[in-house]
Amino acid sequence: MMYLPREEGQGMVEYALILVLVAIVVIVILRLLGPAIADVFSNIMEAI
């Protein structure tokens, strides 16, 4: 019987890399937009 490589682990690694990439993108967006979002919430709290 020939050796057949298992590919399940490769799929899990690909999913993990995608999750890491998405997390990095979210962190960068929050870093850039964080002050603007804080100002919006501050203005809402002042209006209440």
N, C-alpha and C. Protein backbone atom coordinates (compact mmCIF):
# COMPACT_ATOMS: atom_id res chain seq x y z
N MET A 1 0.85 -1.18 0.00
CA MET A 1 0.00 0.00 0.00
C MET A 1 0.89 1.24 0.00
N MET A 2 0.53 2.19 -0.84
CA MET A 2 1.34 3.41 -0.94
C MET A 2 1.02 4.37 0.20
N TYR A 3 2.00 5.16 0.55
CA TYR A 3 1.81 6.15 1.61
C TYR A 3 1.04 7.33 1.06
N LEU A 4 -0.06 7.66 1.69
CA LEU A 4 -0.85 8.82 1.28
C LEU A 4 -0.72 9.89 2.36
N PRO A 5 -0.24 11.07 2.00
CA PRO A 5 -0.06 12.12 3.02
C PRO A 5 -1.41 12.61 3.54
N ARG A 6 -1.43 12.92 4.82
CA ARG A 6 -2.64 13.47 5.42
C ARG A 6 -2.65 14.97 5.23
N GLU A 7 -3.79 15.50 4.80
CA GLU A 7 -3.87 16.92 4.49
C GLU A 7 -4.76 17.69 5.48
N GLU A 8 -5.28 16.99 6.49
CA GLU A 8 -6.15 17.70 7.44
C GLU A 8 -5.38 18.79 8.19
N GLY A 9 -4.15 18.48 8.57
CA GLY A 9 -3.35 19.45 9.31
C GLY A 9 -3.04 20.69 8.49
N GLN A 10 -2.86 20.50 7.19
CA GLN A 10 -2.58 21.64 6.32
C GLN A 10 -3.77 22.59 6.30
N GLY A 11 -4.98 22.07 6.26
CA GLY A 11 -6.17 22.92 6.26
C GLY A 11 -6.27 23.72 7.54
N MET A 12 -5.94 23.09 8.67
CA MET A 12 -6.00 23.81 9.95
C MET A 12 -4.98 24.93 9.99
N VAL A 13 -3.80 24.69 9.45
CA VAL A 13 -2.77 25.73 9.42
C VAL A 13 -3.23 26.89 8.55
N GLU A 14 -3.87 26.59 7.42
CA GLU A 14 -4.36 27.66 6.55
C GLU A 14 -5.42 28.50 7.26
N TYR A 15 -6.34 27.84 7.98
CA TYR A 15 -7.35 28.58 8.73
C TYR A 15 -6.70 29.45 9.81
N ALA A 16 -5.70 28.93 10.47
CA ALA A 16 -5.01 29.70 11.50
C ALA A 16 -4.33 30.92 10.90
N LEU A 17 -3.69 30.76 9.75
CA LEU A 17 -3.04 31.90 9.11
C LEU A 17 -4.05 32.95 8.69
N ILE A 18 -5.20 32.53 8.19
CA ILE A 18 -6.24 33.49 7.81
C ILE A 18 -6.73 34.24 9.05
N LEU A 19 -6.94 33.52 10.16
CA LEU A 19 -7.40 34.19 11.38
C LEU A 19 -6.37 35.20 11.89
N VAL A 20 -5.09 34.85 11.81
CA VAL A 20 -4.04 35.78 12.23
C VAL A 20 -4.04 37.02 11.34
N LEU A 21 -4.19 36.83 10.03
CA LEU A 21 -4.21 37.96 9.11
C LEU A 21 -5.40 38.87 9.40
N VAL A 22 -6.57 38.29 9.63
CA VAL A 22 -7.76 39.09 9.94
C VAL A 22 -7.56 39.84 11.25
N ALA A 23 -6.98 39.19 12.25
CA ALA A 23 -6.74 39.85 13.53
C ALA A 23 -5.79 41.04 13.36
N ILE A 24 -4.74 40.87 12.56
CA ILE A 24 -3.80 41.98 12.34
C ILE A 24 -4.49 43.14 11.65
N VAL A 25 -5.33 42.85 10.66
CA VAL A 25 -6.05 43.91 9.95
C VAL A 25 -6.98 44.65 10.90
N VAL A 26 -7.69 43.92 11.75
CA VAL A 26 -8.61 44.55 12.70
C VAL A 26 -7.84 45.44 13.67
N ILE A 27 -6.71 44.96 14.16
CA ILE A 27 -5.90 45.75 15.10
C ILE A 27 -5.42 47.03 14.44
N VAL A 28 -4.96 46.95 13.21
CA VAL A 28 -4.48 48.14 12.50
C VAL A 28 -5.61 49.13 12.30
N ILE A 29 -6.79 48.64 11.90
CA ILE A 29 -7.93 49.55 11.70
C ILE A 29 -8.32 50.22 13.00
N LEU A 30 -8.35 49.46 14.10
CA LEU A 30 -8.71 50.05 15.38
C LEU A 30 -7.67 51.08 15.84
N ARG A 31 -6.40 50.81 15.55
CA ARG A 31 -5.34 51.78 15.90
C ARG A 31 -5.54 53.09 15.14
N LEU A 32 -5.92 52.98 13.86
CA LEU A 32 -6.09 54.17 13.04
C LEU A 32 -7.37 54.92 13.37
N LEU A 33 -8.45 54.18 13.62
CA LEU A 33 -9.76 54.82 13.84
C LEU A 33 -10.11 54.96 15.31
N GLY A 34 -9.29 54.47 16.20
CA GLY A 34 -9.60 54.50 17.62
C GLY A 34 -9.91 55.89 18.16
N PRO A 35 -9.05 56.87 17.91
CA PRO A 35 -9.35 58.22 18.42
C PRO A 35 -10.67 58.79 17.87
N ALA A 36 -10.97 58.55 16.61
CA ALA A 36 -12.22 59.05 16.03
C ALA A 36 -13.42 58.39 16.69
N ILE A 37 -13.32 57.08 16.93
CA ILE A 37 -14.43 56.37 17.59
C ILE A 37 -14.59 56.87 19.02
N ALA A 38 -13.50 57.11 19.71
CA ALA A 38 -13.57 57.62 21.08
C ALA A 38 -14.22 59.00 21.10
N ASP A 39 -13.92 59.84 20.12
CA ASP A 39 -14.55 61.16 20.06
C ASP A 39 -16.05 61.06 19.85
N VAL A 40 -16.48 60.12 19.01
CA VAL A 40 -17.91 59.94 18.75
C VAL A 40 -18.61 59.54 20.05
N PHE A 41 -18.06 58.56 20.76
CA PHE A 41 -18.67 58.13 22.02
C PHE A 41 -18.64 59.26 23.06
N SER A 42 -17.58 60.04 23.07
CA SER A 42 -17.49 61.16 24.00
C SER A 42 -18.57 62.19 23.70
N ASN A 43 -18.79 62.48 22.44
CA ASN A 43 -19.83 63.44 22.06
C ASN A 43 -21.22 62.91 22.41
N ILE A 44 -21.43 61.62 22.27
CA ILE A 44 -22.73 61.02 22.64
C ILE A 44 -22.95 61.13 24.13
N MET A 45 -21.91 60.84 24.92
CA MET A 45 -22.05 60.92 26.38
C MET A 45 -22.29 62.35 26.85
N GLU A 46 -21.67 63.31 26.19
CA GLU A 46 -21.88 64.71 26.56
C GLU A 46 -23.29 65.17 26.22
N ALA A 47 -23.87 64.61 25.17
CA ALA A 47 -25.21 65.01 24.74
C ALA A 47 -26.29 64.42 25.64
N ILE A 48 -25.95 63.36 26.36
CA ILE A 48 -26.98 62.71 27.22
C ILE A 48 -27.15 63.49 28.51
